[in-house]
């Protein structure tokens, strides 16, 4: 992640990482932490929320936001 951010005009551009295969909640949260800790600006979350029940998806999105806001 740090290399990608540095390669984007020395970090002067926003870097958002695309999602991937469906995975468990803990793996999604760890991906968000790794992107945050590496200097990334966010991630695209698709199937990992859309394929869950609404309440669970909203809870997951709230937790991801808190990770990126460094509240977790």
N, C-alpha and C. Protein backbone atom coordinates (compact mmCIF):
# COMPACT_ATOMS: atom_id res chain seq x y z
N UNK A 1 0.83 -1.19 0.00
CA UNK A 1 0.00 0.00 0.00
C UNK A 1 0.88 1.25 0.00
N UNK A 2 1.87 1.28 0.85
CA UNK A 2 2.75 2.46 0.91
C UNK A 2 3.42 2.72 -0.44
N UNK A 3 3.83 1.65 -1.12
CA UNK A 3 4.48 1.80 -2.43
C UNK A 3 3.51 2.39 -3.45
N UNK A 4 2.27 1.92 -3.45
CA UNK A 4 1.27 2.43 -4.38
C UNK A 4 1.01 3.91 -4.11
N UNK A 5 0.85 4.27 -2.86
CA UNK A 5 0.61 5.68 -2.50
C UNK A 5 1.80 6.54 -2.92
N UNK A 6 3.00 6.08 -2.65
CA UNK A 6 4.20 6.83 -3.02
C UNK A 6 4.32 6.97 -4.54
N UNK A 7 3.87 5.95 -5.26
CA UNK A 7 3.95 5.98 -6.72
C UNK A 7 2.93 6.93 -7.34
N UNK A 8 1.96 7.37 -6.56
CA UNK A 8 0.92 8.28 -7.04
C UNK A 8 1.34 9.72 -6.78
N UNK A 9 2.31 10.16 -7.56
CA UNK A 9 2.84 11.52 -7.44
C UNK A 9 3.28 11.81 -6.01
N UNK A 10 4.03 10.87 -5.45
CA UNK A 10 4.60 10.99 -4.10
C UNK A 10 3.52 11.24 -3.05
N UNK A 11 2.38 10.58 -3.22
CA UNK A 11 1.31 10.70 -2.24
C UNK A 11 0.43 11.91 -2.40
N UNK A 12 0.59 12.63 -3.50
CA UNK A 12 -0.21 13.84 -3.71
C UNK A 12 -1.53 13.56 -4.44
N UNK A 13 -1.87 12.31 -4.59
CA UNK A 13 -3.13 11.93 -5.21
C UNK A 13 -3.88 10.99 -4.27
N UNK A 14 -5.17 11.02 -4.34
CA UNK A 14 -5.99 10.12 -3.54
C UNK A 14 -5.87 8.72 -4.12
N UNK A 15 -5.68 7.74 -3.25
CA UNK A 15 -5.60 6.35 -3.68
C UNK A 15 -6.71 5.57 -2.99
N UNK A 16 -7.60 5.01 -3.81
CA UNK A 16 -8.70 4.19 -3.31
C UNK A 16 -8.51 2.79 -3.86
N UNK A 17 -8.58 1.81 -3.01
CA UNK A 17 -8.35 0.43 -3.41
C UNK A 17 -9.66 -0.27 -3.70
N UNK A 18 -9.66 -1.04 -4.77
CA UNK A 18 -10.85 -1.78 -5.18
C UNK A 18 -11.01 -3.03 -4.33
N UNK A 19 -12.25 -3.48 -4.19
CA UNK A 19 -12.55 -4.66 -3.39
C UNK A 19 -11.98 -5.93 -3.99
N UNK A 20 -12.62 -7.02 -3.77
CA UNK A 20 -12.15 -8.30 -4.27
C UNK A 20 -13.18 -9.36 -4.01
N UNK A 21 -12.72 -10.54 -3.78
CA UNK A 21 -13.62 -11.67 -3.55
C UNK A 21 -14.39 -11.50 -2.25
N UNK A 22 -15.52 -12.19 -2.17
CA UNK A 22 -16.28 -12.19 -0.92
C UNK A 22 -15.42 -12.80 0.18
N UNK A 23 -15.50 -12.22 1.36
CA UNK A 23 -14.69 -12.70 2.48
C UNK A 23 -15.40 -12.42 3.78
N UNK A 24 -14.89 -12.96 4.85
CA UNK A 24 -15.48 -12.77 6.17
C UNK A 24 -15.28 -11.35 6.68
N UNK A 25 -16.07 -10.98 7.66
CA UNK A 25 -16.02 -9.63 8.23
C UNK A 25 -14.63 -9.26 8.73
N UNK A 26 -13.99 -10.16 9.47
CA UNK A 26 -12.67 -9.85 10.02
C UNK A 26 -11.66 -9.56 8.92
N UNK A 27 -11.73 -10.28 7.81
CA UNK A 27 -10.81 -10.04 6.69
C UNK A 27 -11.08 -8.68 6.05
N UNK A 28 -12.35 -8.30 5.93
CA UNK A 28 -12.70 -6.99 5.37
C UNK A 28 -12.15 -5.89 6.27
N UNK A 29 -12.33 -6.04 7.58
CA UNK A 29 -11.84 -5.03 8.52
C UNK A 29 -10.31 -4.94 8.49
N UNK A 30 -9.66 -6.08 8.37
CA UNK A 30 -8.19 -6.07 8.32
C UNK A 30 -7.70 -5.40 7.04
N UNK A 31 -8.38 -5.65 5.92
CA UNK A 31 -8.03 -4.96 4.68
C UNK A 31 -8.12 -3.45 4.87
N UNK A 32 -9.19 -2.98 5.50
CA UNK A 32 -9.36 -1.54 5.73
C UNK A 32 -8.24 -1.00 6.62
N UNK A 33 -7.89 -1.74 7.65
CA UNK A 33 -6.79 -1.30 8.53
C UNK A 33 -5.47 -1.23 7.77
N UNK A 34 -5.21 -2.25 6.95
CA UNK A 34 -3.96 -2.28 6.18
C UNK A 34 -3.89 -1.11 5.21
N UNK A 35 -5.01 -0.81 4.55
CA UNK A 35 -5.04 0.32 3.61
C UNK A 35 -4.84 1.62 4.37
N UNK A 36 -5.55 1.79 5.47
CA UNK A 36 -5.40 3.01 6.30
C UNK A 36 -3.96 3.16 6.79
N UNK A 37 -3.41 2.08 7.33
CA UNK A 37 -2.06 2.15 7.90
C UNK A 37 -0.99 2.36 6.83
N UNK A 38 -1.30 1.94 5.60
CA UNK A 38 -0.35 2.13 4.51
C UNK A 38 -0.47 3.48 3.84
N UNK A 39 -1.42 4.30 4.28
CA UNK A 39 -1.58 5.64 3.73
C UNK A 39 -2.63 5.76 2.65
N UNK A 40 -3.37 4.67 2.39
CA UNK A 40 -4.44 4.73 1.40
C UNK A 40 -5.59 5.58 1.91
N UNK A 41 -6.42 6.04 0.98
CA UNK A 41 -7.51 6.94 1.33
C UNK A 41 -8.87 6.27 1.45
N UNK A 42 -8.96 5.00 1.08
CA UNK A 42 -10.24 4.32 1.20
C UNK A 42 -10.27 3.06 0.35
N UNK A 43 -11.40 2.40 0.40
CA UNK A 43 -11.57 1.18 -0.38
C UNK A 43 -12.99 1.11 -0.92
N UNK A 44 -13.13 0.42 -2.03
CA UNK A 44 -14.44 0.22 -2.64
C UNK A 44 -15.00 -1.08 -2.06
N UNK A 45 -16.15 -0.99 -1.47
CA UNK A 45 -16.77 -2.16 -0.85
C UNK A 45 -18.03 -2.48 -1.64
N UNK A 46 -18.10 -3.68 -2.18
CA UNK A 46 -19.27 -4.09 -2.96
C UNK A 46 -19.92 -5.31 -2.35
N UNK A 47 -19.61 -6.46 -2.95
CA UNK A 47 -20.28 -7.71 -2.55
C UNK A 47 -20.15 -8.01 -1.07
N UNK A 48 -19.10 -7.53 -0.43
CA UNK A 48 -18.91 -7.83 0.99
C UNK A 48 -19.95 -7.14 1.88
N UNK A 49 -20.68 -6.20 1.32
CA UNK A 49 -21.82 -5.65 2.06
C UNK A 49 -23.13 -6.00 1.35
N UNK A 50 -23.18 -5.89 0.03
CA UNK A 50 -24.43 -6.10 -0.69
C UNK A 50 -24.98 -7.51 -0.53
N UNK A 51 -24.12 -8.48 -0.29
CA UNK A 51 -24.58 -9.86 -0.17
C UNK A 51 -24.86 -10.26 1.28
N UNK A 52 -25.02 -9.29 2.13
CA UNK A 52 -25.35 -9.55 3.54
C UNK A 52 -26.73 -8.96 3.82
N UNK A 53 -27.37 -9.41 4.89
CA UNK A 53 -28.63 -8.76 5.29
C UNK A 53 -28.38 -7.28 5.57
N UNK A 54 -29.40 -6.46 5.34
CA UNK A 54 -29.27 -5.00 5.44
C UNK A 54 -28.66 -4.55 6.77
N UNK A 55 -29.17 -5.03 7.87
CA UNK A 55 -28.67 -4.59 9.18
C UNK A 55 -27.20 -4.94 9.35
N UNK A 56 -26.82 -6.13 8.92
CA UNK A 56 -25.42 -6.54 9.03
C UNK A 56 -24.53 -5.70 8.11
N UNK A 57 -25.03 -5.40 6.91
CA UNK A 57 -24.26 -4.58 5.96
C UNK A 57 -24.04 -3.17 6.51
N UNK A 58 -25.08 -2.58 7.08
CA UNK A 58 -24.95 -1.23 7.64
C UNK A 58 -23.99 -1.20 8.82
N UNK A 59 -24.04 -2.24 9.64
CA UNK A 59 -23.10 -2.34 10.76
C UNK A 59 -21.66 -2.45 10.25
N UNK A 60 -21.47 -3.26 9.21
CA UNK A 60 -20.14 -3.42 8.64
C UNK A 60 -19.62 -2.10 8.07
N UNK A 61 -20.46 -1.40 7.33
CA UNK A 61 -20.04 -0.12 6.75
C UNK A 61 -19.69 0.90 7.83
N UNK A 62 -20.47 0.93 8.90
CA UNK A 62 -20.17 1.85 10.01
C UNK A 62 -18.82 1.52 10.63
N UNK A 63 -18.52 0.25 10.77
CA UNK A 63 -17.23 -0.14 11.35
C UNK A 63 -16.08 0.23 10.42
N UNK A 64 -16.27 0.03 9.12
CA UNK A 64 -15.23 0.39 8.15
C UNK A 64 -14.97 1.90 8.20
N UNK A 65 -16.03 2.69 8.27
CA UNK A 65 -15.86 4.14 8.39
C UNK A 65 -15.08 4.48 9.65
N UNK A 66 -15.39 3.83 10.76
CA UNK A 66 -14.67 4.13 12.00
C UNK A 66 -13.20 3.73 11.90
N UNK A 67 -12.91 2.69 11.15
CA UNK A 67 -11.51 2.29 10.95
C UNK A 67 -10.78 3.39 10.18
N UNK A 68 -11.38 3.85 9.07
CA UNK A 68 -10.72 4.89 8.28
C UNK A 68 -10.61 6.22 9.02
N UNK A 69 -11.52 6.48 9.95
CA UNK A 69 -11.46 7.71 10.75
C UNK A 69 -10.54 7.56 11.96
N UNK A 70 -9.88 6.41 12.06
CA UNK A 70 -8.95 6.13 13.16
C UNK A 70 -9.65 6.12 14.51
N UNK A 71 -10.91 5.74 14.52
CA UNK A 71 -11.67 5.67 15.77
C UNK A 71 -11.67 4.26 16.33
N UNK A 72 -11.06 3.34 15.63
CA UNK A 72 -11.09 1.93 16.04
C UNK A 72 -9.70 1.39 16.22
